[in-house]
C-alpha cells in the first residue's frame, strides 16, 4: 500500500522513474554538451534556474534572428516523454521544440519527425528572470522501431530573450495507458 501511494504521488507531481537521456539538462555547470547554430547573441549559462541555479539563456534581439540549441541522444526502443521549463528572461518570445529520430545512433541516416516544432511551441511570460517558469511537455511520443537516436532541437526566434532549464527526455512513464515498471 505504501509503494502504491508513493507511485501515485510521483505521478501527480509529474515525476517519473525513467532515466533522463539528456546530458547537462539542468545547466548547473554551464552549457557544455549542447550545440548551437544561428545568429542570435551567443547563448550563455544564466545564474537562476528551476529547481536549482543554472539555466540556458538565449537572447534573440536582432531582427530576423534565430538560434537553435541541439543535442543528439541514443534512445531505447520505447515511447518517449519530453519536457522542459522556459522563462521570460527580459522579453517574451516564441520557443519551439523538435525531436527528430534517426536510424543510426549518432543522429545520421533516415530521419523521422517525432515532435514537429511547427506545432510544439510556447511563449513564456510572467516577468523577467525566472520569476515564473512555463512548462512544456509531451508524453507518449511514438518512436518507430528503426529509430536509434533522437536530435533534440530547441529554437528561439526574435524577439525572444528567454531561459530554459530542466530539459528531460526519457522512456515514457506510461505504456499502453498504464504506468510502466521503473
Foldseek 3Di string as FASTA:
>chain_A
DVVVVVVVVCVVVVHFPFDFQQDCQFQPPKDPQKDKDWDFPDWIWDQPGPPGGIWIKTARADPFTKMKIKHKTFADQAFKKKKKKKAAAPDWFKKFKWKWFALDRGPDHDIDTQGDRVPFMDTHDDDHDPPDIDMGMDARRHDDPSGGMMMIMMMTHPPGTMIMGNIGMGHGCDDPRHGDDD
